[in-house]
C-alpha atoms as a PDB file:
ATOM      1  CA  MET A   1      21.503  20.426  38.538  1.00  0.00           C
ATOM      2  CA  GLY A   2      22.975  17.488  40.360  1.00  0.00           C
ATOM      3  CA  PRO A   3      24.337  14.243  38.971  1.00  0.00           C
ATOM      4  CA  PHE A   4      21.108  12.402  39.764  1.00  0.00           C
ATOM      5  CA  SER A   5      19.037  14.857  37.729  1.00  0.00           C
ATOM      6  CA  ILE A   6      21.365  14.530  34.765  1.00  0.00           C
ATOM      7  CA  ALA A   7      21.258  10.716  35.001  1.00  0.00           C
ATOM      8  CA  ALA A   8      17.451  10.745  35.239  1.00  0.00           C
ATOM      9  CA  ILE A   9      17.172  13.006  32.184  1.00  0.00           C
ATOM     10  CA  ALA A  10      19.569  10.758  30.238  1.00  0.00           C
ATOM     11  CA  ILE A  11      17.602   7.615  31.158  1.00  0.00           C
ATOM     12  CA  ILE A  12      14.294   9.233  30.208  1.00  0.00           C
ATOM     13  CA  GLY A  13      15.830  10.394  26.935  1.00  0.00           C
ATOM     14  CA  VAL A  14      17.044   6.886  26.090  1.00  0.00           C
ATOM     15  CA  PHE A  15      13.628   5.381  26.828  1.00  0.00           C
ATOM     16  CA  THR A  16      11.917   8.062  24.756  1.00  0.00           C
ATOM     17  CA  LEU A  17      14.257   7.502  21.817  1.00  0.00           C
ATOM     18  CA  THR A  18      13.765   3.723  22.003  1.00  0.00           C
ATOM     19  CA  ALA A  19       9.978   4.099  22.102  1.00  0.00           C
ATOM     20  CA  TYR A  20      10.072   6.471  19.116  1.00  0.00           C
ATOM     21  CA  LYS A  21      12.167   4.033  17.067  1.00  0.00           C
ATOM     22  CA  GLU A  22       9.793   1.169  17.896  1.00  0.00           C
ATOM     23  CA  TYR A  23       6.810   3.317  16.929  1.00  0.00           C
ATOM     24  CA  ASN A  24       8.376   4.034  13.526  1.00  0.00           C
ATOM     25  CA  LYS A  25       9.064   0.319  12.972  1.00  0.00           C
ATOM     26  CA  GLN A  26       5.420  -0.548  13.673  1.00  0.00           C
ATOM     27  CA  LYS A  27       4.204   2.253  11.442  1.00  0.00           C
ATOM     28  CA  ASN A  28       6.395   1.068   8.553  1.00  0.00           C
ATOM     29  CA  ARG A  29       5.246  -2.525   9.014  1.00  0.00           C
ATOM     30  CA  VAL A  30       1.602  -1.497   8.674  1.00  0.00           C
ATOM     31  CA  ASP A  31       2.438   0.571   5.618  1.00  0.00           C
ATOM     32  CA  ALA A  32       4.199  -2.416   4.039  1.00  0.00           C
ATOM     33  CA  GLU A  33       1.131  -4.609   4.606  1.00  0.00           C
ATOM     34  CA  GLU A  34      -1.135  -1.994   3.075  1.00  0.00           C
ATOM     35  CA  LEU A  35       1.243  -1.621   0.139  1.00  0.00           C
ATOM     36  CA  SER A  36       1.127  -5.375  -0.425  1.00  0.00           C
ATOM     37  CA  LYS A  37      -2.678  -5.319  -0.510  1.00  0.00           C
ATOM     38  CA  VAL A  38      -2.729  -2.411  -2.944  1.00  0.00           C
ATOM     39  CA  ASN A  39      -0.214  -4.124  -5.240  1.00  0.00           C
ATOM     40  CA  SER A  40      -2.288  -7.311  -5.350  1.00  0.00           C
ATOM     41  CA  GLU A  41      -5.425  -5.300  -6.133  1.00  0.00           C
ATOM     42  CA  ILE A  42      -3.614  -3.502  -8.944  1.00  0.00           C
ATOM     43  CA  SER A  43      -2.542  -6.852 -10.407  1.00  0.00           C
ATOM     44  CA  GLU A  44      -6.131  -8.101 -10.350  1.00  0.00           C
ATOM     45  CA  LEU A  45      -7.368  -4.924 -12.016  1.00  0.00           C
ATOM     46  CA  LYS A  46      -4.719  -5.202 -14.739  1.00  0.00           C
ATOM     47  CA  GLN A  47      -5.907  -8.727 -15.496  1.00  0.00           C
ATOM     48  CA  ARG A  48      -9.506  -7.562 -15.715  1.00  0.00           C
ATOM     49  CA  VAL A  49      -8.579  -4.702 -18.050  1.00  0.00           C
ATOM     50  CA  ALA A  50      -6.642  -7.109 -20.289  1.00  0.00           C
ATOM     51  CA  THR A  51      -9.709  -9.367 -20.480  1.00  0.00           C
ATOM     52  CA  LEU A  52     -11.951  -6.435 -21.356  1.00  0.00           C
ATOM     53  CA  GLU A  53      -9.519  -5.301 -24.039  1.00  0.00           C
ATOM     54  CA  LYS A  54      -9.619  -8.765 -25.593  1.00  0.00           C
ATOM     55  CA  ILE A  55     -13.414  -8.712 -25.625  1.00  0.00           C
ATOM     56  CA  ILE A  56     -13.670  -5.217 -27.119  1.00  0.00           C
ATOM     57  CA  THR A  57     -11.078  -5.822 -29.843  1.00  0.00           C
ATOM     58  CA  ASP A  58     -12.650  -9.132 -30.861  1.00  0.00           C
ATOM     59  CA  LYS A  59     -14.126  -8.930 -34.391  1.00  0.00           C
ATOM     60  CA  SER A  60     -17.299 -10.805 -33.452  1.00  0.00           C
ATOM     61  CA  TYR A  61     -17.995  -8.228 -30.726  1.00  0.00           C
ATOM     62  CA  GLN A  62     -17.520  -5.373 -33.173  1.00  0.00           C
ATOM     63  CA  LEU A  63     -19.760  -7.069 -35.749  1.00  0.00           C
ATOM     64  CA  LYS A  64     -22.439  -7.619 -33.120  1.00  0.00           C
ATOM     65  CA  ASP A  65     -22.221  -3.965 -32.118  1.00  0.00           C
ATOM     66  CA  GLU A  66     -22.618  -2.840 -35.730  1.00  0.00           C
ATOM     67  CA  ILE A  67     -25.639  -5.090 -36.194  1.00  0.00           C
ATOM     68  CA  ASP A  68     -27.201  -3.720 -33.034  1.00  0.00           C
ATOM     69  CA  LYS A  69     -26.734  -0.169 -34.345  1.00  0.00           C
ATOM     70  CA  LEU A  70     -28.737  -1.009 -37.467  1.00  0.00           C
END
């Protein structure tokens, strides 16, 4: 193996390593965006559950349900 072969292998290795690092950065960026969307959806769902809990625990709702059962 001559010096030119070693230099070519080193250059190819550096380019490959740089491309791999950039790929991981892009992959993490997409994951962060998806995580942000999921977190906002969870917040919305928590608000909806809180509203439903208020409705269910309301005494007028329970009274109405008992009347309907009769």
